[in-house]
Amino acid sequence: MKYSRKLRCWYITADVTFAGVSCRLFLIRHTQHGNWNGLLTTNTKLDFFEAYRIYAQRWSQEVVFYDKYIVMQSRHTHTDAKLLIA
């Protein structure tokens, strides 16, 4: 188990085989006694920091798309309500 000052988390890296495919597993926790979270990648050449960077970037994109979806849903609902009133 290693500690990253940069990301302020504990992590473990393990090369595993999942369903016959070679993978790299990263287990991460942000406090010493907190819950573990996992990242699984088929790119066994990635180190922990690169995998975490890619995950963070993709997660931020998911949040943006979700927020956009919610805004579009609320606009659609308001439009339907105006049509019903008129």
Protein backbone atom coordinates (compact mmCIF):
# COMPACT_ATOMS: atom_id res chain seq x y z
CA MET A 1 0.00 0.00 0.00
CA LYS A 2 1.36 3.40 -1.00
CA TYR A 3 0.35 6.94 -0.13
CA SER A 4 0.18 9.73 -2.71
CA ARG A 5 0.69 13.22 -1.32
CA LYS A 6 -0.28 14.66 -4.69
CA LEU A 7 -3.73 13.04 -4.68
CA ARG A 8 -3.97 12.61 -0.89
CA CYS A 9 -5.03 8.97 -1.08
CA TRP A 10 -3.82 5.47 -0.31
CA TYR A 11 -3.59 3.06 -3.26
CA ILE A 12 -2.68 -0.48 -4.24
CA THR A 13 -1.78 -1.64 -7.74
CA ALA A 14 -2.27 -5.27 -8.80
CA ASP A 15 -2.04 -7.10 -12.12
CA VAL A 16 -4.94 -9.55 -12.32
CA THR A 17 -6.76 -11.76 -14.80
CA PHE A 18 -10.49 -11.10 -15.09
CA ALA A 19 -12.61 -13.36 -17.32
CA GLY A 20 -9.45 -14.51 -19.09
CA VAL A 21 -8.24 -10.96 -19.81
CA SER A 22 -5.10 -9.46 -18.29
CA CYS A 23 -5.99 -6.29 -16.38
CA ARG A 24 -4.52 -3.84 -13.94
CA LEU A 25 -6.52 -3.15 -10.79
CA PHE A 26 -6.09 -0.01 -8.69
CA LEU A 27 -7.65 0.10 -5.24
CA ILE A 28 -7.98 3.60 -3.78
CA ARG A 29 -9.13 5.08 -0.50
CA HIS A 30 -8.98 8.69 0.61
CA THR A 31 -8.67 8.09 4.34
CA GLN A 32 -6.61 5.46 6.09
CA HIS A 33 -9.70 3.66 7.41
CA GLY A 34 -12.18 4.58 4.65
CA ASN A 35 -13.86 2.43 2.02
CA TRP A 36 -11.87 1.14 -0.93
CA ASN A 37 -12.83 2.13 -4.49
CA GLY A 38 -11.51 0.34 -7.55
CA LEU A 39 -10.37 1.21 -11.05
CA LEU A 40 -9.94 -1.60 -13.55
CA THR A 41 -8.16 -1.19 -16.88
CA THR A 42 -7.07 -3.55 -19.63
CA ASN A 43 -4.07 -1.31 -20.32
CA THR A 44 -1.50 -2.97 -18.07
CA LYS A 45 1.12 -0.31 -18.87
CA LEU A 46 -0.74 2.50 -17.09
CA ASP A 47 0.60 3.67 -13.77
CA PHE A 48 -1.70 4.79 -10.97
CA PHE A 49 -1.41 8.52 -11.65
CA GLU A 50 -2.22 8.25 -15.36
CA ALA A 51 -5.19 5.96 -14.69
CA TYR A 52 -6.51 8.34 -12.03
CA ARG A 53 -6.09 11.34 -14.38
CA ILE A 54 -8.04 9.58 -17.15
CA TYR A 55 -10.77 8.54 -14.71
CA ALA A 56 -11.09 12.08 -13.30
CA GLN A 57 -11.31 13.55 -16.79
CA ARG A 58 -13.99 11.08 -17.90
CA TRP A 59 -15.97 11.55 -14.69
CA SER A 60 -16.03 15.34 -15.16
CA GLN A 61 -17.38 14.81 -18.69
CA GLU A 62 -20.11 12.53 -17.33
CA VAL A 63 -21.12 15.21 -14.83
CA VAL A 64 -21.31 17.84 -17.59
CA PHE A 65 -23.50 15.62 -19.78
CA TYR A 66 -25.74 14.74 -16.86
CA ASP A 67 -26.17 18.41 -15.92
CA LYS A 68 -26.94 19.24 -19.55
CA TYR A 69 -29.54 16.45 -19.64
CA ILE A 70 -31.23 17.75 -16.46
CA VAL A 71 -31.37 21.29 -17.86
CA MET A 72 -32.86 20.04 -21.14
CA GLN A 73 -35.44 17.97 -19.22
CA SER A 74 -36.48 20.98 -17.12
CA ARG A 75 -36.82 23.15 -20.23
CA HIS A 76 -38.92 20.45 -21.89
CA THR A 77 -41.18 20.18 -18.83
CA HIS A 78 -41.68 23.96 -18.65
CA THR A 79 -42.49 24.08 -22.38
CA ASP A 80 -45.12 21.34 -21.97
CA ALA A 81 -46.65 23.17 -19.00
CA LYS A 82 -46.96 26.40 -21.02
CA LEU A 83 -48.67 24.52 -23.85
CA LEU A 84 -51.18 22.98 -21.43
CA ILE A 85 -52.01 26.38 -19.89
CA ALA A 86 -52.49 28.12 -23.24
